[in-house]
PDB file of N, CA and C in Angstrom:
ATOM      1  N   MET A   1     130.060 117.799 117.468  1.00  0.00           N
ATOM      2  CA  MET A   1     129.235 116.629 117.754  1.00  0.00           C
ATOM      3  C   MET A   1     128.668 116.747 119.176  1.00  0.00           C
ATOM      4  N   THR A   2     127.375 116.605 119.266  1.00  0.00           N
ATOM      5  CA  THR A   2     126.736 116.678 120.577  1.00  0.00           C
ATOM      6  C   THR A   2     126.742 115.314 121.250  1.00  0.00           C
ATOM      7  N   THR A   3     126.838 115.322 122.541  1.00  0.00           N
ATOM      8  CA  THR A   3     126.782 114.067 123.284  1.00  0.00           C
ATOM      9  C   THR A   3     125.420 113.907 123.945  1.00  0.00           C
ATOM     10  N   LYS A   4     124.467 114.753 123.583  1.00  0.00           N
ATOM     11  CA  LYS A   4     123.106 114.662 124.116  1.00  0.00           C
ATOM     12  C   LYS A   4     122.272 113.792 123.186  1.00  0.00           C
ATOM     13  N   ARG A   5     121.444 112.982 123.805  1.00  0.00           N
ATOM     14  CA  ARG A   5     120.526 112.113 123.073  1.00  0.00           C
ATOM     15  C   ARG A   5     119.197 112.082 123.817  1.00  0.00           C
ATOM     16  N   ILE A   6     118.173 111.610 123.139  1.00  0.00           N
ATOM     17  CA  ILE A   6     116.868 111.401 123.752  1.00  0.00           C
ATOM     18  C   ILE A   6     116.671 109.898 123.894  1.00  0.00           C
ATOM     19  N   VAL A   7     116.193 109.469 125.060  1.00  0.00           N
ATOM     20  CA  VAL A   7     115.817 108.071 125.251  1.00  0.00           C
ATOM     21  C   VAL A   7     114.324 108.018 125.524  1.00  0.00           C
ATOM     22  N   LYS A   8     113.732 106.904 125.147  1.00  0.00           N
ATOM     23  CA  LYS A   8     112.302 106.685 125.395  1.00  0.00           C
ATOM     24  C   LYS A   8     112.167 105.537 126.382  1.00  0.00           C
ATOM     25  N   ILE A   9     111.342 105.726 127.390  1.00  0.00           N
ATOM     26  CA  ILE A   9     111.059 104.668 128.349  1.00  0.00           C
ATOM     27  C   ILE A   9     109.633 104.199 128.071  1.00  0.00           C
ATOM     28  N   SER A  10     109.498 102.913 127.816  1.00  0.00           N
ATOM     29  CA  SER A  10     108.209 102.332 127.468  1.00  0.00           C
ATOM     30  C   SER A  10     108.150 100.904 127.996  1.00  0.00           C
ATOM     31  N   GLN A  11     107.168 100.616 128.825  1.00  0.00           N
ATOM     32  CA  GLN A  11     106.945  99.271 129.366  1.00  0.00           C
ATOM     33  C   GLN A  11     108.205  98.688 129.995  1.00  0.00           C
ATOM     34  N   ASN A  12     108.860  99.496 130.834  1.00  0.00           N
ATOM     35  CA  ASN A  12     110.070  99.097 131.564  1.00  0.00           C
ATOM     36  C   ASN A  12     111.254  98.790 130.653  1.00  0.00           C
ATOM     37  N   LYS A  13     111.230  99.327 129.443  1.00  0.00           N
ATOM     38  CA  LYS A  13     112.357  99.221 128.518  1.00  0.00           C
ATOM     39  C   LYS A  13     112.862 100.627 128.239  1.00  0.00           C
ATOM     40  N   ILE A  14     114.162 100.757 128.049  1.00  0.00           N
ATOM     41  CA  ILE A  14     114.774 102.047 127.759  1.00  0.00           C
ATOM     42  C   ILE A  14     115.323 101.987 126.334  1.00  0.00           C
ATOM     43  N   TYR A  15     114.710 102.749 125.448  1.00  0.00           N
ATOM     44  CA  TYR A  15     115.089 102.776 124.040  1.00  0.00           C
ATOM     45  C   TYR A  15     116.109 103.887 123.816  1.00  0.00           C
ATOM     46  N   ILE A  16     117.245 103.533 123.213  1.00  0.00           N
ATOM     47  CA  ILE A  16     118.220 104.572 122.870  1.00  0.00           C
ATOM     48  C   ILE A  16     118.147 104.923 121.382  1.00  0.00           C
ATOM     49  N   THR A  17     117.486 104.096 120.618  1.00  0.00           N
ATOM     50  CA  THR A  17     117.070 104.406 119.252  1.00  0.00           C
ATOM     51  C   THR A  17     115.694 103.771 119.099  1.00  0.00           C
ATOM     52  N   PRO A  18     114.947 104.107 118.066  1.00  0.00           N
ATOM     53  CA  PRO A  18     113.628 103.495 117.917  1.00  0.00           C
ATOM     54  C   PRO A  18     113.649 101.965 117.864  1.00  0.00           C
ATOM     55  N   GLY A  19     114.737 101.370 117.407  1.00  0.00           N
ATOM     56  CA  GLY A  19     114.798  99.920 117.284  1.00  0.00           C
ATOM     57  C   GLY A  19     115.727  99.213 118.249  1.00  0.00           C
ATOM     58  N   TYR A  20     116.281  99.933 119.237  1.00  0.00           N
ATOM     59  CA  TYR A  20     117.259  99.322 120.141  1.00  0.00           C
ATOM     60  C   TYR A  20     116.939  99.724 121.567  1.00  0.00           C
ATOM     61  N   HIS A  21     116.668  98.711 122.387  1.00  0.00           N
ATOM     62  CA  HIS A  21     116.302  99.008 123.774  1.00  0.00           C
ATOM     63  C   HIS A  21     117.061  98.131 124.760  1.00  0.00           C
ATOM     64  N   PHE A  22     116.999  98.562 126.007  1.00  0.00           N
ATOM     65  CA  PHE A  22     117.555  97.815 127.129  1.00  0.00           C
ATOM     66  C   PHE A  22     116.420  97.463 128.073  1.00  0.00           C
ATOM     67  N   ILE A  23     116.468  96.261 128.614  1.00  0.00           N
ATOM     68  CA  ILE A  23     115.589  95.930 129.724  1.00  0.00           C
ATOM     69  C   ILE A  23     116.334  96.326 130.996  1.00  0.00           C
ATOM     70  N   ILE A  24     115.623  96.414 132.095  1.00  0.00           N
ATOM     71  CA  ILE A  24     116.236  96.887 133.342  1.00  0.00           C
ATOM     72  C   ILE A  24     117.470  96.059 133.698  1.00  0.00           C
ATOM     73  N   GLU A  25     117.444  94.771 133.435  1.00  0.00           N
ATOM     74  CA  GLU A  25     118.574  93.902 133.762  1.00  0.00           C
ATOM     75  C   GLU A  25     119.832  94.255 132.984  1.00  0.00           C
ATOM     76  N   GLU A  26     119.699  95.001 131.894  1.00  0.00           N
ATOM     77  CA  GLU A  26     120.840  95.409 131.070  1.00  0.00           C
ATOM     78  C   GLU A  26     121.300  96.827 131.418  1.00  0.00           C
ATOM     79  N   THR A  27     120.895  97.292 132.595  1.00  0.00           N
ATOM     80  CA  THR A  27     121.317  98.593 133.109  1.00  0.00           C
ATOM     81  C   THR A  27     121.858  98.385 134.521  1.00  0.00           C
ATOM     82  N   ASN A  28     122.317  99.450 135.128  1.00  0.00           N
ATOM     83  CA  ASN A  28     122.745  99.377 136.525  1.00  0.00           C
ATOM     84  C   ASN A  28     121.602  99.729 137.480  1.00  0.00           C
ATOM     85  N   LEU A  29     120.371  99.778 136.973  1.00  0.00           N
ATOM     86  CA  LEU A  29     119.213 100.049 137.819  1.00  0.00           C
ATOM     87  C   LEU A  29     118.782  98.754 138.494  1.00  0.00           C
ATOM     88  N   PRO A  30     118.489  98.802 139.778  1.00  0.00           N
ATOM     89  CA  PRO A  30     118.169  97.570 140.517  1.00  0.00           C
ATOM     90  C   PRO A  30     116.732  97.108 140.274  1.00  0.00           C
ATOM     91  N   GLN A  31     116.563  96.120 139.431  1.00  0.00           N
ATOM     92  CA  GLN A  31     115.221  95.678 139.053  1.00  0.00           C
ATOM     93  C   GLN A  31     114.383  95.233 140.237  1.00  0.00           C
ATOM     94  N   THR A  32     114.978  94.737 141.283  1.00  0.00           N
ATOM     95  CA  THR A  32     114.230  94.274 142.444  1.00  0.00           C
ATOM     96  C   THR A  32     113.563  95.426 143.185  1.00  0.00           C
ATOM     97  N   TYR A  33     114.165  96.602 143.144  1.00  0.00           N
ATOM     98  CA  TYR A  33     113.681  97.738 143.929  1.00  0.00           C
ATOM     99  C   TYR A  33     113.215  98.891 143.059  1.00  0.00           C
ATOM    100  N   PHE A  34     112.957  98.635 141.793  1.00  0.00           N
ATOM    101  CA  PHE A  34     112.791  99.728 140.853  1.00  0.00           C
ATOM    102  C   PHE A  34     111.884  99.309 139.706  1.00  0.00           C
ATOM    103  N   SER A  35     110.900 100.133 139.374  1.00  0.00           N
ATOM    104  CA  SER A  35     110.051  99.863 138.223  1.00  0.00           C
ATOM    105  C   SER A  35     109.486 101.178 137.696  1.00  0.00           C
ATOM    106  N   PHE A  36     109.519 101.350 136.385  1.00  0.00           N
ATOM    107  CA  PHE A  36     108.928 102.534 135.767  1.00  0.00           C
ATOM    108  C   PHE A  36     107.413 102.375 135.686  1.00  0.00           C
ATOM    109  N   LYS A  37     106.708 103.500 135.652  1.00  0.00           N
ATOM    110  CA  LYS A  37     105.270 103.477 135.401  1.00  0.00           C
ATOM    111  C   LYS A  37     105.065 102.944 133.993  1.00  0.00           C
ATOM    112  N   GLY A  38     104.122 102.063 133.845  1.00  0.00           N
ATOM    113  CA  GLY A  38     103.901 101.441 132.545  1.00  0.00           C
ATOM    114  C   GLY A  38     102.720 101.983 131.782  1.00  0.00           C
ATOM    115  N   THR A  39     102.079 103.016 132.283  1.00  0.00           N
ATOM    116  CA  THR A  39     100.852 103.497 131.664  1.00  0.00           C
ATOM    117  C   THR A  39     101.070 104.335 130.419  1.00  0.00           C
ATOM    118  N   GLN A  40     102.208 104.988 130.302  1.00  0.00           N
ATOM    119  CA  GLN A  40     102.481 105.791 129.119  1.00  0.00           C
ATOM    120  C   GLN A  40     103.981 105.862 128.868  1.00  0.00           C
ATOM    121  N   ASP A  41     104.329 106.138 127.610  1.00  0.00           N
ATOM    122  CA  ASP A  41     105.725 106.322 127.249  1.00  0.00           C
ATOM    123  C   ASP A  41     106.180 107.698 127.723  1.00  0.00           C
ATOM    124  N   PHE A  42     107.454 107.818 128.040  1.00  0.00           N
ATOM    125  CA  PHE A  42     108.013 109.129 128.350  1.00  0.00           C
ATOM    126  C   PHE A  42     109.447 109.184 127.847  1.00  0.00           C
ATOM    127  N   PHE A  43     109.959 110.393 127.751  1.00  0.00           N
ATOM    128  CA  PHE A  43     111.270 110.632 127.166  1.00  0.00           C
ATOM    129  C   PHE A  43     112.143 111.393 128.147  1.00  0.00           C
ATOM    130  N   TRP A  44     113.423 111.105 128.098  1.00  0.00           N
ATOM    131  CA  TRP A  44     114.434 111.849 128.842  1.00  0.00           C
ATOM    132  C   TRP A  44     115.520 112.284 127.873  1.00  0.00           C
ATOM    133  N   GLU A  45     116.143 113.408 128.194  1.00  0.00           N
ATOM    134  CA  GLU A  45     117.361 113.792 127.497  1.00  0.00           C
ATOM    135  C   GLU A  45     118.527 113.304 128.345  1.00  0.00           C
ATOM    136  N   ILE A  46     119.461 112.625 127.707  1.00  0.00           N
ATOM    137  CA  ILE A  46     120.647 112.141 128.420  1.00  0.00           C
ATOM    138  C   ILE A  46     121.891 112.754 127.797  1.00  0.00           C
ATOM    139  N   GLU A  47     122.943 112.742 128.560  1.00  0.00           N
ATOM    140  CA  GLU A  47     124.248 113.106 128.040  1.00  0.00           C
ATOM    141  C   GLU A  47     125.133 111.873 128.115  1.00  0.00           C
ATOM    142  N   ILE A  48     125.795 111.561 127.033  1.00  0.00           N
ATOM    143  CA  ILE A  48     126.723 110.437 127.010  1.00  0.00           C
ATOM    144  C   ILE A  48     128.044 110.915 127.584  1.00  0.00           C
ATOM    145  N   LEU A  49     128.457 110.295 128.680  1.00  0.00           N
ATOM    146  CA  LEU A  49     129.678 110.687 129.361  1.00  0.00           C
ATOM    147  C   LEU A  49     130.876 109.830 128.956  1.00  0.00           C
ATOM    148  N   GLY A  50     130.593 108.636 128.453  1.00  0.00           N
ATOM    149  CA  GLY A  50     131.687 107.769 128.046  1.00  0.00           C
ATOM    150  C   GLY A  50     131.181 106.451 127.497  1.00  0.00           C
ATOM    151  N   TYR A  51     132.098 105.742 126.867  1.00  0.00           N
ATOM    152  CA  TYR A  51     131.804 104.408 126.334  1.00  0.00           C
ATOM    153  C   TYR A  51     133.017 103.531 126.608  1.00  0.00           C
ATOM    154  N   ASN A  52     132.798 102.441 127.318  1.00  0.00           N
ATOM    155  CA  ASN A  52     133.862 101.485 127.603  1.00  0.00           C
ATOM    156  C   ASN A  52     133.794 100.395 126.538  1.00  0.00           C
ATOM    157  N   LYS A  53     134.770 100.381 125.630  1.00  0.00           N
ATOM    158  CA  LYS A  53     134.769  99.432 124.515  1.00  0.00           C
ATOM    159  C   LYS A  53     134.887  97.989 124.980  1.00  0.00           C
ATOM    160  N   ASP A  54     135.706  97.743 126.008  1.00  0.00           N
ATOM    161  CA  ASP A  54     135.906  96.378 126.482  1.00  0.00           C
ATOM    162  C   ASP A  54     134.629  95.783 127.072  1.00  0.00           C
ATOM    163  N   GLU A  55     133.924  96.576 127.857  1.00  0.00           N
ATOM    164  CA  GLU A  55     132.691  96.103 128.497  1.00  0.00           C
ATOM    165  C   GLU A  55     131.453  96.414 127.665  1.00  0.00           C
ATOM    166  N   LYS A  56     131.629  97.163 126.573  1.00  0.00           N
ATOM    167  CA  LYS A  56     130.509  97.615 125.741  1.00  0.00           C
ATOM    168  C   LYS A  56     129.461  98.320 126.611  1.00  0.00           C
ATOM    169  N   LYS A  57     129.979  99.218 127.460  1.00  0.00           N
ATOM    170  CA  LYS A  57     129.151  99.922 128.440  1.00  0.00           C
ATOM    171  C   LYS A  57     129.059 101.393 128.072  1.00  0.00           C
ATOM    172  N   LEU A  58     127.814 101.886 127.935  1.00  0.00           N
ATOM    173  CA  LEU A  58     127.553 103.284 127.668  1.00  0.00           C
ATOM    174  C   LEU A  58     127.216 103.971 128.987  1.00  0.00           C
ATOM    175  N   ILE A  59     127.976 105.013 129.330  1.00  0.00           N
ATOM    176  CA  ILE A  59     127.805 105.715 130.599  1.00  0.00           C
ATOM    177  C   ILE A  59     127.082 107.023 130.321  1.00  0.00           C
ATOM    178  N   VAL A  60     125.940 107.213 131.002  1.00  0.00           N
ATOM    179  CA  VAL A  60     125.093 108.367 130.723  1.00  0.00           C
ATOM    180  C   VAL A  60     124.592 109.005 132.014  1.00  0.00           C
ATOM    181  N   THR A  61     124.091 110.220 131.880  1.00  0.00           N
ATOM    182  CA  THR A  61     123.384 110.887 132.960  1.00  0.00           C
ATOM    183  C   THR A  61     122.172 111.587 132.361  1.00  0.00           C
ATOM    184  N   VAL A  62     121.099 111.673 133.114  1.00  0.00           N
ATOM    185  CA  VAL A  62     119.892 112.355 132.648  1.00  0.00           C
ATOM    186  C   VAL A  62     120.085 113.852 132.860  1.00  0.00           C
ATOM    187  N   THR A  63     119.908 114.616 131.787  1.00  0.00           N
ATOM    188  CA  THR A  63     120.049 116.072 131.879  1.00  0.00           C
ATOM    189  C   THR A  63     118.703 116.785 131.856  1.00  0.00           C
ATOM    190  N   ASP A  64     117.673 116.106 131.351  1.00  0.00           N
ATOM    191  CA  ASP A  64     116.332 116.709 131.312  1.00  0.00           C
ATOM    192  C   ASP A  64     115.304 115.585 131.405  1.00  0.00           C
ATOM    193  N   TYR A  65     114.496 115.631 132.438  1.00  0.00           N
ATOM    194  CA  TYR A  65     113.484 114.599 132.665  1.00  0.00           C
ATOM    195  C   TYR A  65     112.190 114.870 131.907  1.00  0.00           C
ATOM    196  N   ASN A  66     112.055 116.031 131.326  1.00  0.00           N
ATOM    197  CA  ASN A  66     110.867 116.408 130.551  1.00  0.00           C
ATOM    198  C   ASN A  66     111.273 117.278 129.359  1.00  0.00           C
ATOM    199  N   PRO A  67     112.013 116.715 128.408  1.00  0.00           N
ATOM    200  CA  PRO A  67     112.473 117.544 127.285  1.00  0.00           C
ATOM    201  C   PRO A  67     111.305 117.993 126.412  1.00  0.00           C
ATOM    202  N   ASN A  68     111.403 119.214 125.922  1.00  0.00           N
ATOM    203  CA  ASN A  68     110.367 119.754 125.037  1.00  0.00           C
ATOM    204  C   ASN A  68     110.494 119.207 123.632  1.00  0.00           C
ATOM    205  N   GLU A  69     111.703 118.920 123.221  1.00  0.00           N
ATOM    206  CA  GLU A  69     111.969 118.475 121.855  1.00  0.00           C
ATOM    207  C   GLU A  69     112.391 117.003 121.865  1.00  0.00           C
ATOM    208  N   ILE A  70     111.567 116.136 121.279  1.00  0.00           N
ATOM    209  CA  ILE A  70     111.876 114.702 121.263  1.00  0.00           C
ATOM    210  C   ILE A  70     112.014 114.136 119.854  1.00  0.00           C
ATOM    211  N   VAL A  71     111.785 114.942 118.840  1.00  0.00           N
ATOM    212  CA  VAL A  71     111.822 114.450 117.465  1.00  0.00           C
ATOM    213  C   VAL A  71     113.172 113.836 117.117  1.00  0.00           C
ATOM    214  N   GLY A  72     114.244 114.321 117.723  1.00  0.00           N
ATOM    215  CA  GLY A  72     115.570 113.776 117.461  1.00  0.00           C
ATOM    216  C   GLY A  72     115.692 112.306 117.803  1.00  0.00           C
ATOM    217  N   PHE A  73     114.883 111.827 118.727  1.00  0.00           N
ATOM    218  CA  PHE A  73     114.921 110.404 119.089  1.00  0.00           C
ATOM    219  C   PHE A  73     114.706 109.529 117.858  1.00  0.00           C
ATOM    220  N   TYR A  74     113.789 109.909 117.005  1.00  0.00           N
ATOM    221  CA  TYR A  74     113.417 109.090 115.854  1.00  0.00           C
ATOM    222  C   TYR A  74     114.470 109.096 114.751  1.00  0.00           C
ATOM    223  N   GLU A  75     115.473 109.956 114.886  1.00  0.00           N
ATOM    224  CA  GLU A  75     116.552 110.041 113.899  1.00  0.00           C
ATOM    225  C   GLU A  75     117.868 109.467 114.411  1.00  0.00           C
ATOM    226  N   GLN A  76     117.905 109.042 115.666  1.00  0.00           N
ATOM    227  CA  GLN A  76     119.141 108.531 116.263  1.00  0.00           C
ATOM    228  C   GLN A  76     119.485 107.149 115.724  1.00  0.00           C
ATOM    229  N   ALA A  77     120.779 106.876 115.658  1.00  0.00           N
ATOM    230  CA  ALA A  77     121.264 105.576 115.200  1.00  0.00           C
ATOM    231  C   ALA A  77     122.399 105.129 116.114  1.00  0.00           C
ATOM    232  N   MET A  78     122.591 103.832 116.203  1.00  0.00           N
ATOM    233  CA  MET A  78     123.678 103.264 117.001  1.00  0.00           C
ATOM    234  C   MET A  78     125.003 103.452 116.276  1.00  0.00           C
ATOM    235  N   LYS A  79     126.039 103.801 117.036  1.00  0.00           N
ATOM    236  CA  LYS A  79     127.383 103.926 116.477  1.00  0.00           C
ATOM    237  C   LYS A  79     128.242 102.725 116.833  1.00  0.00           C
ATOM    238  N   SER A  80     127.955 102.115 117.996  1.00  0.00           N
ATOM    239  CA  SER A  80     128.693 100.944 118.470  1.00  0.00           C
ATOM    240  C   SER A  80     127.723 100.035 119.213  1.00  0.00           C
ATOM    241  N   HIS A  81     128.082  98.774 119.300  1.00  0.00           N
ATOM    242  CA  HIS A  81     127.256  97.838 120.057  1.00  0.00           C
ATOM    243  C   HIS A  81     127.374  98.150 121.557  1.00  0.00           C
ATOM    244  N   VAL A  82     126.250  98.117 122.259  1.00  0.00           N
ATOM    245  CA  VAL A  82     126.221  98.400 123.689  1.00  0.00           C
ATOM    246  C   VAL A  82     125.522  97.242 124.394  1.00  0.00           C
ATOM    247  N   ASP A  83     126.167  96.697 125.435  1.00  0.00           N
ATOM    248  CA  ASP A  83     125.571  95.633 126.242  1.00  0.00           C
ATOM    249  C   ASP A  83     125.005  96.137 127.563  1.00  0.00           C
ATOM    250  N   LEU A  84     125.534  97.265 128.060  1.00  0.00           N
ATOM    251  CA  LEU A  84     125.130  97.778 129.369  1.00  0.00           C
ATOM    252  C   LEU A  84     124.937  99.282 129.304  1.00  0.00           C
ATOM    253  N   LEU A  85     123.774  99.729 129.751  1.00  0.00           N
ATOM    254  CA  LEU A  85     123.486 101.151 129.876  1.00  0.00           C
ATOM    255  C   LEU A  85     123.670 101.512 131.338  1.00  0.00           C
ATOM    256  N   PHE A  86     124.665 102.361 131.616  1.00  0.00           N
ATOM    257  CA  PHE A  86     125.068 102.666 132.983  1.00  0.00           C
ATOM    258  C   PHE A  86     124.732 104.115 133.305  1.00  0.00           C
ATOM    259  N   PHE A  87     123.770 104.296 134.213  1.00  0.00           N
ATOM    260  CA  PHE A  87     123.343 105.634 134.620  1.00  0.00           C
ATOM    261  C   PHE A  87     124.169 106.111 135.807  1.00  0.00           C
ATOM    262  N   LEU A  88     124.576 107.381 135.738  1.00  0.00           N
ATOM    263  CA  LEU A  88     125.177 108.033 136.900  1.00  0.00           C
ATOM    264  C   LEU A  88     124.062 108.729 137.665  1.00  0.00           C
ATOM    265  N   LYS A  89     124.388 109.514 138.591  1.00  0.00           N
ATOM    266  CA  LYS A  89     123.461 110.082 139.567  1.00  0.00           C
ATOM    267  C   LYS A  89     122.147 110.617 138.974  1.00  0.00           C
ATOM    268  N   PHE A  90     121.057 110.270 139.653  1.00  0.00           N
ATOM    269  CA  PHE A  90     119.726 110.780 139.336  1.00  0.00           C
ATOM    270  C   PHE A  90     119.346 111.877 140.315  1.00  0.00           C
ATOM    271  N   ASP A  91     118.457 112.745 139.890  1.00  0.00           N
ATOM    272  CA  ASP A  91     117.832 113.724 140.770  1.00  0.00           C
ATOM    273  C   ASP A  91     116.551 113.063 141.284  1.00  0.00           C
ATOM    274  N   TRP A  92     116.519 112.697 142.554  1.00  0.00           N
ATOM    275  CA  TRP A  92     115.420 111.921 143.117  1.00  0.00           C
ATOM    276  C   TRP A  92     114.070 112.591 142.898  1.00  0.00           C
ATOM    277  N   ASP A  93     113.979 113.894 143.161  1.00  0.00           N
ATOM    278  CA  ASP A  93     112.703 114.595 143.027  1.00  0.00           C
ATOM    279  C   ASP A  93     112.180 114.576 141.593  1.00  0.00           C
ATOM    280  N   LYS A  94     113.079 114.536 140.631  1.00  0.00           N
ATOM    281  CA  LYS A  94     112.672 114.487 139.226  1.00  0.00           C
ATOM    282  C   LYS A  94     112.436 113.058 138.748  1.00  0.00           C
ATOM    283  N   LEU A  95     113.082 112.094 139.370  1.00  0.00           N
ATOM    284  CA  LEU A  95     112.949 110.692 138.975  1.00  0.00           C
ATOM    285  C   LEU A  95     111.675 110.048 139.492  1.00  0.00           C
ATOM    286  N   VAL A  96     111.334 110.293 140.738  1.00  0.00           N
ATOM    287  CA  VAL A  96     110.248 109.559 141.403  1.00  0.00           C
ATOM    288  C   VAL A  96     108.895 109.647 140.676  1.00  0.00           C
ATOM    289  N   PRO A  97     108.530 110.733 140.001  1.00  0.00           N
ATOM    290  CA  PRO A  97     107.241 110.732 139.294  1.00  0.00           C
ATOM    291  C   PRO A  97     107.139 109.683 138.178  1.00  0.00           C
ATOM    292  N   PHE A  98     108.265 109.170 137.723  1.00  0.00           N
ATOM    293  CA  PHE A  98     108.263 108.174 136.648  1.00  0.00           C
ATOM    294  C   PHE A  98     108.240 106.734 137.158  1.00  0.00           C
ATOM    295  N   LEU A  99     108.274 106.566 138.464  1.00  0.00           N
ATOM    296  CA  LEU A  99     108.361 105.226 139.043  1.00  0.00           C
ATOM    297  C   LEU A  99     107.021 104.746 139.574  1.00  0.00           C
ATOM    298  N   SER A 100     106.753 103.467 139.346  1.00  0.00           N
ATOM    299  CA  SER A 100     105.552 102.871 139.923  1.00  0.00           C
ATOM    300  C   SER A 100     105.891 102.124 141.199  1.00  0.00           C
ATOM    301  N   MET A 101     107.148 101.697 141.316  1.00  0.00           N
ATOM    302  CA  MET A 101     107.591 100.968 142.498  1.00  0.00           C
ATOM    303  C   MET A 101     109.049 101.330 142.740  1.00  0.00           C
ATOM    304  N   HIS A 102     109.371 101.559 144.001  1.00  0.00           N
ATOM    305  CA  HIS A 102     110.759 101.846 144.346  1.00  0.00           C
ATOM    306  C   HIS A 102     110.958 101.698 145.850  1.00  0.00           C
ATOM    307  N   ARG A 103     112.198 101.467 146.219  1.00  0.00           N
ATOM    308  CA  ARG A 103     112.623 101.509 147.620  1.00  0.00           C
ATOM    309  C   ARG A 103     113.814 102.442 147.665  1.00  0.00           C
ATOM    310  N   LYS A 104     113.564 103.658 148.095  1.00  0.00           N
ATOM    311  CA  LYS A 104     114.581 104.704 148.051  1.00  0.00           C
ATOM    312  C   LYS A 104     115.857 104.281 148.768  1.00  0.00           C
ATOM    313  N   ALA A 105     115.732 103.602 149.868  1.00  0.00           N
ATOM    314  CA  ALA A 105     116.923 103.189 150.624  1.00  0.00           C
ATOM    315  C   ALA A 105     117.847 102.322 149.767  1.00  0.00           C
ATOM    316  N   ASP A 106     117.281 101.545 148.856  1.00  0.00           N
ATOM    317  CA  ASP A 106     118.077 100.671 148.002  1.00  0.00           C
ATOM    318  C   ASP A 106     118.557 101.366 146.730  1.00  0.00           C
ATOM    319  N   LEU A 107     118.162 102.616 146.557  1.00  0.00           N
ATOM    320  CA  LEU A 107     118.569 103.374 145.371  1.00  0.00           C
ATOM    321  C   LEU A 107     119.532 104.505 145.702  1.00  0.00           C
ATOM    322  N   LYS A 108     119.892 104.644 146.972  1.00  0.00           N
ATOM    323  CA  LYS A 108     120.714 105.787 147.400  1.00  0.00           C
ATOM    324  C   LYS A 108     122.017 105.912 146.613  1.00  0.00           C
ATOM    325  N   TYR A 109     122.600 104.802 146.195  1.00  0.00           N
ATOM    326  CA  TYR A 109     123.858 104.875 145.456  1.00  0.00           C
ATOM    327  C   TYR A 109     123.663 105.523 144.077  1.00  0.00           C
ATOM    328  N   LEU A 110     122.428 105.626 143.617  1.00  0.00           N
ATOM    329  CA  LEU A 110     122.144 106.260 142.335  1.00  0.00           C
ATOM    330  C   LEU A 110     121.725 107.717 142.461  1.00  0.00           C
ATOM    331  N   LEU A 111     121.575 108.190 143.693  1.00  0.00           N
ATOM    332  CA  LEU A 111     121.040 109.542 143.906  1.00  0.00           C
ATOM    333  C   LEU A 111     122.125 110.527 144.230  1.00  0.00           C
TER     334      LEU A 111
END
């Protein structure tokens, strides 16, 4: 079983399946200092590092900011209910092209 998945970012929402998304407030990303570009959809490959059943928190990290293969996204399904999508460290140089607004000083804990 692979722990890699594809997520789609569209209009400041992060889709983990075609029908299930998170808004920024449902992640550990700071909405006040952070916004994705809204002009086009984009995809990331993530690795699932863990799932906290009590908090219904999915812990992930981005492994590819420009995956070549995204068809798997459309076949993904939820296995458990998730209330919080928790990202671990980002690669700043790879992340910043996807942002329309950010304050790097306020994002250092994610880098």
